[in-house]
Amino acid sequence: MTRWLLVLLLSASSAFGQAAASLQTDVSRLAIYAPQPEYPVEVRQHHIGGSGYFVIRVNRATGIVATVEVRRSTGNKLLDSSAVETLRHWRFKGGNALSTRHEPNFSKILVPVTFRP
């Protein structure tokens, strides 16, 4: 059975600078850098929103994100691209802190992302 580290809802509000994110306690203390996705202006101006799920694969030794996969699209390619690009830059504490029963050297984290117009 596969186990996941879960991240609580990441919310990108229509006011670019007012977006708020909250990480689950066990993940938030492991995250070193976890910026929020930018809400693209061209999508925000048209009041388009959406929610999706993204899987980040993290190198356990370095805490660097190796890959980002769209598990469930937000329904908009620009929103998906913004989320994927941002999640690629997330960083976590290295070592055994991210230990799960996945690949020997990697952990997977499921990240829900919501853009609200």
PDB file of N, CA and C in Angstrom:
ATOM      1  N   MET A   1       0.842  -1.177   0.000  1.00  0.00           N
ATOM      2  CA  MET A   1       0.000   0.000   0.000  1.00  0.00           C
ATOM      3  C   MET A   1       0.889   1.243   0.000  1.00  0.00           C
ATOM      4  N   THR A   2       0.525   2.209  -0.819  1.00  0.00           N
ATOM      5  CA  THR A   2       1.293   3.430  -0.936  1.00  0.00           C
ATOM      6  C   THR A   2       0.845   4.433   0.115  1.00  0.00           C
ATOM      7  N   ARG A   3       1.810   5.082   0.751  1.00  0.00           N
ATOM      8  CA  ARG A   3       1.486   6.113   1.740  1.00  0.00           C
ATOM      9  C   ARG A   3       1.883   7.470   1.176  1.00  0.00           C
ATOM     10  N   TRP A   4       1.112   8.489   1.497  1.00  0.00           N
ATOM     11  CA  TRP A   4       1.353   9.841   1.001  1.00  0.00           C
ATOM     12  C   TRP A   4       1.513  10.800   2.168  1.00  0.00           C
ATOM     13  N   LEU A   5       2.404  11.762   2.000  1.00  0.00           N
ATOM     14  CA  LEU A   5       2.432  12.905   2.886  1.00  0.00           C
ATOM     15  C   LEU A   5       1.447  13.878   2.266  1.00  0.00           C
ATOM     16  N   LEU A   6       0.541  14.409   3.041  1.00  0.00           N
ATOM     17  CA  LEU A   6      -0.482  15.287   2.486  1.00  0.00           C
ATOM     18  C   LEU A   6      -0.248  16.733   2.871  1.00  0.00           C
ATOM     19  N   VAL A   7      -0.547  17.600   1.972  1.00  0.00           N
ATOM     20  CA  VAL A   7      -0.489  19.029   2.206  1.00  0.00           C
ATOM     21  C   VAL A   7      -1.916  19.542   2.150  1.00  0.00           C
ATOM     22  N   LEU A   8      -2.293  20.371   3.119  1.00  0.00           N
ATOM     23  CA  LEU A   8      -3.637  20.936   3.116  1.00  0.00           C
ATOM     24  C   LEU A   8      -3.806  21.906   1.968  1.00  0.00           C
ATOM     25  N   LEU A   9      -5.012  22.289   1.761  1.00  0.00           N
ATOM     26  CA  LEU A   9      -5.386  23.146   0.660  1.00  0.00           C
ATOM     27  C   LEU A   9      -4.510  24.382   0.555  1.00  0.00           C
ATOM     28  N   LEU A  10      -3.974  24.572  -0.620  1.00  0.00           N
ATOM     29  CA  LEU A  10      -3.202  25.757  -0.920  1.00  0.00           C
ATOM     30  C   LEU A  10      -4.141  26.660  -1.683  1.00  0.00           C
ATOM     31  N   SER A  11      -4.364  27.840  -1.211  1.00  0.00           N
ATOM     32  CA  SER A  11      -5.374  28.711  -1.792  1.00  0.00           C
ATOM     33  C   SER A  11      -4.734  29.928  -2.423  1.00  0.00           C
ATOM     34  N   ALA A  12      -5.029  30.164  -3.697  1.00  0.00           N
ATOM     35  CA  ALA A  12      -4.549  31.380  -4.362  1.00  0.00           C
ATOM     36  C   ALA A  12      -5.749  32.282  -4.576  1.00  0.00           C
ATOM     37  N   SER A  13      -5.783  33.382  -3.882  1.00  0.00           N
ATOM     38  CA  SER A  13      -6.934  34.267  -3.968  1.00  0.00           C
ATOM     39  C   SER A  13      -6.826  35.183  -5.171  1.00  0.00           C
ATOM     40  N   SER A  14      -7.911  35.877  -5.465  1.00  0.00           N
ATOM     41  CA  SER A  14      -7.907  36.780  -6.605  1.00  0.00           C
ATOM     42  C   SER A  14      -7.023  37.985  -6.362  1.00  0.00           C
ATOM     43  N   ALA A  15      -6.786  38.319  -5.138  1.00  0.00           N
ATOM     44  CA  ALA A  15      -5.854  39.403  -4.830  1.00  0.00           C
ATOM     45  C   ALA A  15      -4.472  38.780  -4.726  1.00  0.00           C
ATOM     46  N   PHE A  16      -3.650  39.008  -5.734  1.00  0.00           N
ATOM     47  CA  PHE A  16      -2.368  38.317  -5.877  1.00  0.00           C
ATOM     48  C   PHE A  16      -1.567  38.259  -4.593  1.00  0.00           C
ATOM     49  N   GLY A  17      -1.407  39.369  -3.916  1.00  0.00           N
ATOM     50  CA  GLY A  17      -0.576  39.392  -2.726  1.00  0.00           C
ATOM     51  C   GLY A  17      -1.235  38.825  -1.489  1.00  0.00           C
ATOM     52  N   GLN A  18      -2.516  38.470  -1.557  1.00  0.00           N
ATOM     53  CA  GLN A  18      -3.225  38.009  -0.378  1.00  0.00           C
ATOM     54  C   GLN A  18      -3.454  36.505  -0.349  1.00  0.00           C
ATOM     55  N   ALA A  19      -2.823  35.769  -1.242  1.00  0.00           N
ATOM     56  CA  ALA A  19      -3.005  34.326  -1.257  1.00  0.00           C
ATOM     57  C   ALA A  19      -2.422  33.738   0.023  1.00  0.00           C
ATOM     58  N   ALA A  20      -3.083  32.701   0.540  1.00  0.00           N
ATOM     59  CA  ALA A  20      -2.625  32.098   1.793  1.00  0.00           C
ATOM     60  C   ALA A  20      -2.468  30.604   1.622  1.00  0.00           C
ATOM     61  N   ALA A  21      -1.449  30.052   2.234  1.00  0.00           N
ATOM     62  CA  ALA A  21      -1.220  28.619   2.177  1.00  0.00           C
ATOM     63  C   ALA A  21      -1.075  28.079   3.576  1.00  0.00           C
ATOM     64  N   SER A  22      -1.556  26.885   3.781  1.00  0.00           N
ATOM     65  CA  SER A  22      -1.315  26.246   5.065  1.00  0.00           C
ATOM     66  C   SER A  22      -0.890  24.814   4.797  1.00  0.00           C
ATOM     67  N   LEU A  23       0.169  24.419   5.448  1.00  0.00           N
ATOM     68  CA  LEU A  23       0.696  23.072   5.286  1.00  0.00           C
ATOM     69  C   LEU A  23       0.311  22.243   6.490  1.00  0.00           C
ATOM     70  N   GLN A  24       0.088  20.966   6.253  1.00  0.00           N
ATOM     71  CA  GLN A  24      -0.182  20.067   7.353  1.00  0.00           C
ATOM     72  C   GLN A  24       1.023  20.114   8.296  1.00  0.00           C
ATOM     73  N   THR A  25       0.794  20.003   9.583  1.00  0.00           N
ATOM     74  CA  THR A  25       1.846  20.182  10.576  1.00  0.00           C
ATOM     75  C   THR A  25       3.089  19.360  10.284  1.00  0.00           C
ATOM     76  N   ASP A  26       2.959  18.068   9.997  1.00  0.00           N
ATOM     77  CA  ASP A  26       4.143  17.245   9.787  1.00  0.00           C
ATOM     78  C   ASP A  26       4.911  17.654   8.539  1.00  0.00           C
ATOM     79  N   VAL A  27       4.222  18.156   7.513  1.00  0.00           N
ATOM     80  CA  VAL A  27       4.903  18.594   6.308  1.00  0.00           C
ATOM     81  C   VAL A  27       5.446  20.008   6.479  1.00  0.00           C
ATOM     82  N   SER A  28       4.701  20.882   7.149  1.00  0.00           N
ATOM     83  CA  SER A  28       5.137  22.273   7.281  1.00  0.00           C
ATOM     84  C   SER A  28       6.446  22.391   8.054  1.00  0.00           C
ATOM     85  N   ARG A  29       6.683  21.522   8.988  1.00  0.00           N
ATOM     86  CA  ARG A  29       7.949  21.625   9.713  1.00  0.00           C
ATOM     87  C   ARG A  29       9.111  21.043   8.898  1.00  0.00           C
ATOM     88  N   LEU A  30       8.789  20.336   7.811  1.00  0.00           N
ATOM     89  CA  LEU A  30       9.816  19.801   6.927  1.00  0.00           C
ATOM     90  C   LEU A  30      10.077  20.715   5.736  1.00  0.00           C
ATOM     91  N   ALA A  31       9.113  21.571   5.416  1.00  0.00           N
ATOM     92  CA  ALA A  31       9.257  22.474   4.275  1.00  0.00           C
ATOM     93  C   ALA A  31      10.193  23.615   4.631  1.00  0.00           C
ATOM     94  N   ILE A  32      11.160  23.831   3.787  1.00  0.00           N
ATOM     95  CA  ILE A  32      12.100  24.933   3.964  1.00  0.00           C
ATOM     96  C   ILE A  32      11.626  26.122   3.136  1.00  0.00           C
ATOM     97  N   TYR A  33      11.092  25.835   1.966  1.00  0.00           N
ATOM     98  CA  TYR A  33      10.665  26.876   1.039  1.00  0.00           C
ATOM     99  C   TYR A  33       9.442  26.355   0.296  1.00  0.00           C
ATOM    100  N   ALA A  34       8.290  27.014   0.468  1.00  0.00           N
ATOM    101  CA  ALA A  34       7.046  26.565  -0.160  1.00  0.00           C
ATOM    102  C   ALA A  34       6.195  27.771  -0.578  1.00  0.00           C
ATOM    103  N   PRO A  35       6.651  28.500  -1.617  1.00  0.00           N
ATOM    104  CA  PRO A  35       5.864  29.650  -2.069  1.00  0.00           C
ATOM    105  C   PRO A  35       4.559  29.196  -2.714  1.00  0.00           C
ATOM    106  N   GLN A  36       3.621  30.116  -2.788  1.00  0.00           N
ATOM    107  CA  GLN A  36       2.335  29.815  -3.404  1.00  0.00           C
ATOM    108  C   GLN A  36       2.389  30.054  -4.908  1.00  0.00           C
ATOM    109  N   PRO A  37       1.576  29.319  -5.649  1.00  0.00           N
ATOM    110  CA  PRO A  37       1.504  29.560  -7.098  1.00  0.00           C
ATOM    111  C   PRO A  37       0.953  30.954  -7.376  1.00  0.00           C
ATOM    112  N   GLU A  38       1.481  31.561  -8.408  1.00  0.00           N
ATOM    113  CA  GLU A  38       0.989  32.863  -8.842  1.00  0.00           C
ATOM    114  C   GLU A  38      -0.317  32.656  -9.608  1.00  0.00           C
ATOM    115  N   TYR A  39      -1.283  33.505  -9.350  1.00  0.00           N
ATOM    116  CA  TYR A  39      -2.563  33.457 -10.059  1.00  0.00           C
ATOM    117  C   TYR A  39      -2.378  34.289 -11.319  1.00  0.00           C
ATOM    118  N   PRO A  40      -2.240  33.651 -12.496  1.00  0.00           N
ATOM    119  CA  PRO A  40      -1.953  34.402 -13.722  1.00  0.00           C
ATOM    120  C   PRO A  40      -2.990  35.494 -13.986  1.00  0.00           C
ATOM    121  N   VAL A  41      -2.503  36.681 -14.324  1.00  0.00           N
ATOM    122  CA  VAL A  41      -3.365  37.843 -14.521  1.00  0.00           C
ATOM    123  C   VAL A  41      -4.421  37.585 -15.584  1.00  0.00           C
ATOM    124  N   GLU A  42      -4.021  36.991 -16.703  1.00  0.00           N
ATOM    125  CA  GLU A  42      -4.975  36.788 -17.799  1.00  0.00           C
ATOM    126  C   GLU A  42      -6.126  35.857 -17.421  1.00  0.00           C
ATOM    127  N   VAL A  43      -5.902  34.960 -16.485  1.00  0.00           N
ATOM    128  CA  VAL A  43      -6.959  34.057 -16.010  1.00  0.00           C
ATOM    129  C   VAL A  43      -7.776  34.755 -14.922  1.00  0.00           C
ATOM    130  N   ARG A  44      -7.086  35.431 -14.026  1.00  0.00           N
ATOM    131  CA  ARG A  44      -7.750  36.137 -12.929  1.00  0.00           C
ATOM    132  C   ARG A  44      -8.696  37.213 -13.450  1.00  0.00           C
ATOM    133  N   GLN A  45      -8.291  37.925 -14.506  1.00  0.00           N
ATOM    134  CA  GLN A  45      -9.130  38.987 -15.069  1.00  0.00           C
ATOM    135  C   GLN A  45     -10.447  38.455 -15.618  1.00  0.00           C
ATOM    136  N   HIS A  46     -10.456  37.194 -16.013  1.00  0.00           N
ATOM    137  CA  HIS A  46     -11.673  36.572 -16.541  1.00  0.00           C
ATOM    138  C   HIS A  46     -12.426  35.782 -15.457  1.00  0.00           C
ATOM    139  N   HIS A  47     -12.003  35.948 -14.216  1.00  0.00           N
ATOM    140  CA  HIS A  47     -12.650  35.300 -13.063  1.00  0.00           C
ATOM    141  C   HIS A  47     -12.725  33.780 -13.228  1.00  0.00           C
ATOM    142  N   ILE A  48     -11.630  33.212 -13.724  1.00  0.00           N
ATOM    143  CA  ILE A  48     -11.546  31.765 -13.900  1.00  0.00           C
ATOM    144  C   ILE A  48     -10.786  31.188 -12.712  1.00  0.00           C
ATOM    145  N   GLY A  49     -11.333  30.185 -12.109  1.00  0.00           N
ATOM    146  CA  GLY A  49     -10.684  29.522 -10.987  1.00  0.00           C
ATOM    147  C   GLY A  49     -10.662  28.025 -11.228  1.00  0.00           C
ATOM    148  N   GLY A  50     -10.181  27.303 -10.262  1.00  0.00           N
ATOM    149  CA  GLY A  50     -10.164  25.855 -10.369  1.00  0.00           C
ATOM    150  C   GLY A  50      -9.358  25.226  -9.250  1.00  0.00           C
ATOM    151  N   SER A  51      -9.613  23.951  -9.032  1.00  0.00           N
ATOM    152  CA  SER A  51      -8.889  23.178  -8.024  1.00  0.00           C
ATOM    153  C   SER A  51      -8.288  21.949  -8.679  1.00  0.00           C
ATOM    154  N   GLY A  52      -7.105  21.608  -8.249  1.00  0.00           N
ATOM    155  CA  GLY A  52      -6.449  20.424  -8.789  1.00  0.00           C
ATOM    156  C   GLY A  52      -5.562  19.773  -7.749  1.00  0.00           C
ATOM    157  N   TYR A  53      -5.038  18.618  -8.098  1.00  0.00           N
ATOM    158  CA  TYR A  53      -4.110  17.884  -7.242  1.00  0.00           C
ATOM    159  C   TYR A  53      -2.819  17.646  -8.002  1.00  0.00           C
ATOM    160  N   PHE A  54      -1.712  17.875  -7.319  1.00  0.00           N
ATOM    161  CA  PHE A  54      -0.398  17.736  -7.917  1.00  0.00           C
ATOM    162  C   PHE A  54       0.453  16.837  -7.031  1.00  0.00           C
ATOM    163  N   VAL A  55       1.263  15.989  -7.643  1.00  0.00           N
ATOM    164  CA  VAL A  55       2.144  15.100  -6.893  1.00  0.00           C
ATOM    165  C   VAL A  55       3.573  15.560  -7.108  1.00  0.00           C
ATOM    166  N   ILE A  56       4.233  15.909  -5.999  1.00  0.00           N
ATOM    167  CA  ILE A  56       5.646  16.250  -6.107  1.00  0.00           C
ATOM    168  C   ILE A  56       6.461  15.074  -5.579  1.00  0.00           C
ATOM    169  N   ARG A  57       7.523  14.755  -6.299  1.00  0.00           N
ATOM    170  CA  ARG A  57       8.433  13.669  -5.941  1.00  0.00           C
ATOM    171  C   ARG A  57       9.706  14.328  -5.438  1.00  0.00           C
ATOM    172  N   VAL A  58      10.011  14.082  -4.162  1.00  0.00           N
ATOM    173  CA  VAL A  58      11.109  14.779  -3.480  1.00  0.00           C
ATOM    174  C   VAL A  58      12.270  13.825  -3.211  1.00  0.00           C
ATOM    175  N   ASN A  59      13.467  14.267  -3.563  1.00  0.00           N
ATOM    176  CA  ASN A  59      14.676  13.509  -3.248  1.00  0.00           C
ATOM    177  C   ASN A  59      14.865  13.571  -1.741  1.00  0.00           C
ATOM    178  N   ARG A  60      14.853  12.430  -1.080  1.00  0.00           N
ATOM    179  CA  ARG A  60      14.951  12.393   0.383  1.00  0.00           C
ATOM    180  C   ARG A  60      16.277  12.937   0.905  1.00  0.00           C
ATOM    181  N   ALA A  61      17.345  12.686   0.199  1.00  0.00           N
ATOM    182  CA  ALA A  61      18.661  13.106   0.680  1.00  0.00           C
ATOM    183  C   ALA A  61      18.826  14.618   0.628  1.00  0.00           C
ATOM    184  N   THR A  62      18.336  15.239  -0.458  1.00  0.00           N
ATOM    185  CA  THR A  62      18.576  16.669  -0.658  1.00  0.00           C
ATOM    186  C   THR A  62      17.369  17.546  -0.328  1.00  0.00           C
ATOM    187  N   GLY A  63      16.162  16.975  -0.357  1.00  0.00           N
ATOM    188  CA  GLY A  63      14.947  17.757  -0.146  1.00  0.00           C
ATOM    189  C   GLY A  63      14.512  18.529  -1.381  1.00  0.00           C
ATOM    190  N   ILE A  64      15.160  18.274  -2.513  1.00  0.00           N
ATOM    191  CA  ILE A  64      14.850  18.961  -3.768  1.00  0.00           C
ATOM    192  C   ILE A  64      13.753  18.209  -4.511  1.00  0.00           C
ATOM    193  N   VAL A  65      12.822  18.969  -5.077  1.00  0.00           N
ATOM    194  CA  VAL A  65      11.740  18.373  -5.861  1.00  0.00           C
ATOM    195  C   VAL A  65      12.313  17.871  -7.176  1.00  0.00           C
ATOM    196  N   ALA A  66      12.117  16.583  -7.439  1.00  0.00           N
ATOM    197  CA  ALA A  66      12.625  15.976  -8.668  1.00  0.00           C
ATOM    198  C   ALA A  66      11.620  16.109  -9.810  1.00  0.00           C
ATOM    199  N   THR A  67      10.345  15.858  -9.509  1.00  0.00           N
ATOM    200  CA  THR A  67       9.317  15.943 -10.545  1.00  0.00           C
ATOM    201  C   THR A  67       8.016  16.457  -9.943  1.00  0.00           C
ATOM    202  N   VAL A  68       7.172  17.019 -10.812  1.00  0.00           N
ATOM    203  CA  VAL A  68       5.828  17.439 -10.440  1.00  0.00           C
ATOM    204  C   VAL A  68       4.880  16.853 -11.473  1.00  0.00           C
ATOM    205  N   GLU A  69       3.839  16.199 -11.002  1.00  0.00           N
ATOM    206  CA  GLU A  69       2.858  15.564 -11.884  1.00  0.00           C
ATOM    207  C   GLU A  69       1.477  16.139 -11.581  1.00  0.00           C
ATOM    208  N   VAL A  70       0.728  16.428 -12.636  1.00  0.00           N
ATOM    209  CA  VAL A  70      -0.651  16.866 -12.460  1.00  0.00           C
ATOM    210  C   VAL A  70      -1.484  15.602 -12.253  1.00  0.00           C
ATOM    211  N   ARG A  71      -1.977  15.415 -11.048  1.00  0.00           N
ATOM    212  CA  ARG A  71      -2.803  14.244 -10.748  1.00  0.00           C
ATOM    213  C   ARG A  71      -4.238  14.507 -11.207  1.00  0.00           C
ATOM    214  N   ARG A  72      -4.762  15.707 -10.883  1.00  0.00           N
ATOM    215  CA  ARG A  72      -6.072  16.137 -11.369  1.00  0.00           C
ATOM    216  C   ARG A  72      -5.960  17.612 -11.732  1.00  0.00           C
ATOM    217  N   SER A  73      -6.245  17.936 -12.971  1.00  0.00           N
ATOM    218  CA  SER A  73      -6.114  19.294 -13.482  1.00  0.00           C
ATOM    219  C   SER A  73      -7.075  20.261 -12.798  1.00  0.00           C
ATOM    220  N   THR A  74      -6.683  21.534 -12.775  1.00  0.00           N
ATOM    221  CA  THR A  74      -7.560  22.592 -12.289  1.00  0.00           C
ATOM    222  C   THR A  74      -8.646  22.898 -13.317  1.00  0.00           C
ATOM    223  N   GLY A  75      -8.462  22.390 -14.523  1.00  0.00           N
ATOM    224  CA  GLY A  75      -9.391  22.670 -15.617  1.00  0.00           C
ATOM    225  C   GLY A  75      -8.903  23.797 -16.515  1.00  0.00           C
ATOM    226  N   ASN A  76      -7.734  24.352 -16.187  1.00  0.00           N
ATOM    227  CA  ASN A  76      -7.182  25.445 -16.971  1.00  0.00           C
ATOM    228  C   ASN A  76      -5.675  25.241 -17.095  1.00  0.00           C
ATOM    229  N   LYS A  77      -5.165  25.258 -18.323  1.00  0.00           N
ATOM    230  CA  LYS A  77      -3.742  24.997 -18.551  1.00  0.00           C
ATOM    231  C   LYS A  77      -2.832  26.037 -17.908  1.00  0.00           C
ATOM    232  N   LEU A  78      -3.255  27.305 -17.913  1.00  0.00           N
ATOM    233  CA  LEU A  78      -2.429  28.339 -17.292  1.00  0.00           C
ATOM    234  C   LEU A  78      -2.345  28.157 -15.774  1.00  0.00           C
ATOM    235  N   LEU A  79      -3.462  27.780 -15.153  1.00  0.00           N
ATOM    236  CA  LEU A  79      -3.445  27.531 -13.710  1.00  0.00           C
ATOM    237  C   LEU A  79      -2.579  26.321 -13.388  1.00  0.00           C
ATOM    238  N   ASP A  80      -2.726  25.257 -14.173  1.00  0.00           N
ATOM    239  CA  ASP A  80      -1.892  24.067 -13.972  1.00  0.00           C
ATOM    240  C   ASP A  80      -0.410  24.406 -14.113  1.00  0.00           C
ATOM    241  N   SER A  81      -0.073  25.169 -15.152  1.00  0.00           N
ATOM    242  CA  SER A  81       1.325  25.537 -15.387  1.00  0.00           C
ATOM    243  C   SER A  81       1.895  26.361 -14.238  1.00  0.00           C
ATOM    244  N   SER A  82       1.100  27.278 -13.720  1.00  0.00           N
ATOM    245  CA  SER A  82       1.542  28.096 -12.596  1.00  0.00           C
ATOM    246  C   SER A  82       1.825  27.228 -11.380  1.00  0.00           C
ATOM    247  N   ALA A  83       0.922  26.292 -11.098  1.00  0.00           N
ATOM    248  CA  ALA A  83       1.105  25.403  -9.945  1.00  0.00           C
ATOM    249  C   ALA A  83       2.342  24.528 -10.122  1.00  0.00           C
ATOM    250  N   VAL A  84       2.484  23.914 -11.297  1.00  0.00           N
ATOM    251  CA  VAL A  84       3.627  23.026 -11.552  1.00  0.00           C
ATOM    252  C   VAL A  84       4.936  23.798 -11.434  1.00  0.00           C
ATOM    253  N   GLU A  85       5.005  24.964 -12.042  1.00  0.00           N
ATOM    254  CA  GLU A  85       6.239  25.758 -12.004  1.00  0.00           C
ATOM    255  C   GLU A  85       6.608  26.135 -10.576  1.00  0.00           C
ATOM    256  N   THR A  86       5.646  26.526  -9.787  1.00  0.00           N
ATOM    257  CA  THR A  86       5.918  26.904  -8.400  1.00  0.00           C
ATOM    258  C   THR A  86       6.332  25.698  -7.565  1.00  0.00           C
ATOM    259  N   LEU A  87       5.613  24.599  -7.701  1.00  0.00           N
ATOM    260  CA  LEU A  87       5.920  23.402  -6.905  1.00  0.00           C
ATOM    261  C   LEU A  87       7.305  22.851  -7.211  1.00  0.00           C
ATOM    262  N   ARG A  88       7.808  23.067  -8.423  1.00  0.00           N
ATOM    263  CA  ARG A  88       9.174  22.635  -8.768  1.00  0.00           C
ATOM    264  C   ARG A  88      10.221  23.303  -7.886  1.00  0.00           C
ATOM    265  N   HIS A  89       9.890  24.466  -7.357  1.00  0.00           N
ATOM    266  CA  HIS A  89      10.846  25.227  -6.554  1.00  0.00           C
ATOM    267  C   HIS A  89      10.737  24.969  -5.054  1.00  0.00           C
ATOM    268  N   TRP A  90       9.747  24.190  -4.649  1.00  0.00           N
ATOM    269  CA  TRP A  90       9.627  23.879  -3.224  1.00  0.00           C
ATOM    270  C   TRP A  90      10.863  23.119  -2.768  1.00  0.00           C
ATOM    271  N   ARG A  91      11.224  23.318  -1.495  1.00  0.00           N
ATOM    272  CA  ARG A  91      12.371  22.628  -0.902  1.00  0.00           C
ATOM    273  C   ARG A  91      11.993  22.121   0.480  1.00  0.00           C
ATOM    274  N   PHE A  92      12.561  20.958   0.824  1.00  0.00           N
ATOM    275  CA  PHE A  92      12.295  20.319   2.106  1.00  0.00           C
ATOM    276  C   PHE A  92      13.608  19.978   2.789  1.00  0.00           C
ATOM    277  N   LYS A  93      13.539  19.747   4.088  1.00  0.00           N
ATOM    278  CA  LYS A  93      14.708  19.278   4.824  1.00  0.00           C
ATOM    279  C   LYS A  93      15.080  17.914   4.270  1.00  0.00           C
ATOM    280  N   GLY A  94      16.358  17.696   4.087  1.00  0.00           N
ATOM    281  CA  GLY A  94      16.835  16.409   3.589  1.00  0.00           C
ATOM    282  C   GLY A  94      16.954  15.395   4.712  1.00  0.00           C
ATOM    283  N   GLY A  95      17.472  14.242   4.384  1.00  0.00           N
ATOM    284  CA  GLY A  95      17.642  13.187   5.381  1.00  0.00           C
ATOM    285  C   GLY A  95      16.437  12.288   5.439  1.00  0.00           C
ATOM    286  N   ASN A  96      16.260  11.630   6.559  1.00  0.00           N
ATOM    287  CA  ASN A  96      15.172  10.670   6.702  1.00  0.00           C
ATOM    288  C   ASN A  96      13.849  11.305   7.110  1.00  0.00           C
ATOM    289  N   ALA A  97      13.804  12.612   7.192  1.00  0.00           N
ATOM    290  CA  ALA A  97      12.594  13.301   7.635  1.00  0.00           C
ATOM    291  C   ALA A  97      11.402  13.006   6.732  1.00  0.00           C
ATOM    292  N   LEU A  98      11.648  12.793   5.434  1.00  0.00           N
ATOM    293  CA  LEU A  98      10.576  12.535   4.479  1.00  0.00           C
ATOM    294  C   LEU A  98      10.386  11.044   4.222  1.00  0.00           C
ATOM    295  N   SER A  99      10.769  10.236   5.147  1.00  0.00           N
ATOM    296  CA  SER A  99      10.723   8.793   4.958  1.00  0.00           C
ATOM    297  C   SER A  99       9.294   8.268   4.787  1.00  0.00           C
ATOM    298  N   THR A 100       9.067   7.573   3.687  1.00  0.00           N
ATOM    299  CA  THR A 100       7.816   6.870   3.410  1.00  0.00           C
ATOM    300  C   THR A 100       8.164   5.566   2.709  1.00  0.00           C
ATOM    301  N   ARG A 101       7.151   4.831   2.328  1.00  0.00           N
ATOM    302  CA  ARG A 101       7.398   3.532   1.687  1.00  0.00           C
ATOM    303  C   ARG A 101       7.325   3.619   0.161  1.00  0.00           C
ATOM    304  N   HIS A 102       7.915   4.641  -0.400  1.00  0.00           N
ATOM    305  CA  HIS A 102       7.934   4.798  -1.850  1.00  0.00           C
ATOM    306  C   HIS A 102       9.253   4.276  -2.375  1.00  0.00           C
ATOM    307  N   GLU A 103       9.660   4.844  -3.472  1.00  0.00           N
ATOM    308  CA  GLU A 103      10.950   4.503  -4.032  1.00  0.00           C
ATOM    309  C   GLU A 103      12.007   4.697  -2.950  1.00  0.00           C
ATOM    310  N   PRO A 104      13.094   3.961  -2.998  1.00  0.00           N
ATOM    311  CA  PRO A 104      14.102   4.036  -1.940  1.00  0.00           C
ATOM    312  C   PRO A 104      14.630   5.444  -1.655  1.00  0.00           C
ATOM    313  N   ASN A 105      14.785   6.280  -2.679  1.00  0.00           N
ATOM    314  CA  ASN A 105      15.405   7.585  -2.485  1.00  0.00           C
ATOM    315  C   ASN A 105      14.449   8.769  -2.607  1.00  0.00           C
ATOM    316  N   PHE A 106      13.165   8.491  -2.802  1.00  0.00           N
ATOM    317  CA  PHE A 106      12.209   9.571  -3.040  1.00  0.00           C
ATOM    318  C   PHE A 106      10.951   9.413  -2.206  1.00  0.00           C
ATOM    319  N   SER A 107      10.345  10.543  -1.885  1.00  0.00           N
ATOM    320  CA  SER A 107       9.042  10.579  -1.227  1.00  0.00           C
ATOM    321  C   SER A 107       8.095  11.322  -2.142  1.00  0.00           C
ATOM    322  N   LYS A 108       6.815  11.004  -2.065  1.00  0.00           N
ATOM    323  CA  LYS A 108       5.807  11.700  -2.847  1.00  0.00           C
ATOM    324  C   LYS A 108       4.890  12.466  -1.903  1.00  0.00           C
ATOM    325  N   ILE A 109       4.549  13.673  -2.320  1.00  0.00           N
ATOM    326  CA  ILE A 109       3.672  14.525  -1.529  1.00  0.00           C
ATOM    327  C   ILE A 109       2.529  14.973  -2.425  1.00  0.00           C
ATOM    328  N   LEU A 110       1.314  14.747  -1.981  1.00  0.00           N
ATOM    329  CA  LEU A 110       0.128  15.164  -2.715  1.00  0.00           C
ATOM    330  C   LEU A 110      -0.218  16.588  -2.286  1.00  0.00           C
ATOM    331  N   VAL A 111      -0.310  17.498  -3.262  1.00  0.00           N
ATOM    332  CA  VAL A 111      -0.559  18.907  -2.975  1.00  0.00           C
ATOM    333  C   VAL A 111      -1.841  19.358  -3.674  1.00  0.00           C
ATOM    334  N   PRO A 112      -2.906  19.611  -2.917  1.00  0.00           N
ATOM    335  CA  PRO A 112      -4.094  20.201  -3.527  1.00  0.00           C
ATOM    336  C   PRO A 112      -3.877  21.708  -3.698  1.00  0.00           C
ATOM    337  N   VAL A 113      -4.283  22.236  -4.845  1.00  0.00           N
ATOM    338  CA  VAL A 113      -4.141  23.664  -5.113  1.00  0.00           C
ATOM    339  C   VAL A 113      -5.469  24.200  -5.602  1.00  0.00           C
ATOM    340  N   THR A 114      -5.898  25.333  -5.052  1.00  0.00           N
ATOM    341  CA  THR A 114      -7.151  25.965  -5.469  1.00  0.00           C
ATOM    342  C   THR A 114      -6.888  27.421  -5.821  1.00  0.00           C
ATOM    343  N   PHE A 115      -7.371  27.826  -6.980  1.00  0.00           N
ATOM    344  CA  PHE A 115      -7.341  29.225  -7.410  1.00  0.00           C
ATOM    345  C   PHE A 115      -8.772  29.710  -7.336  1.00  0.00           C
ATOM    346  N   ARG A 116      -9.027  30.753  -6.545  1.00  0.00           N
ATOM    347  CA  ARG A 116     -10.388  31.275  -6.382  1.00  0.00           C
ATOM    348  C   ARG A 116     -10.483  32.678  -6.947  1.00  0.00           C
ATOM    349  N   PRO A 117     -11.397  32.870  -7.911  1.00  0.00           N
ATOM    350  CA  PRO A 117     -11.555  34.218  -8.501  1.00  0.00           C
ATOM    351  C   PRO A 117     -12.245  35.166  -7.524  1.00  0.00           C
TER     352      PRO A 117
END
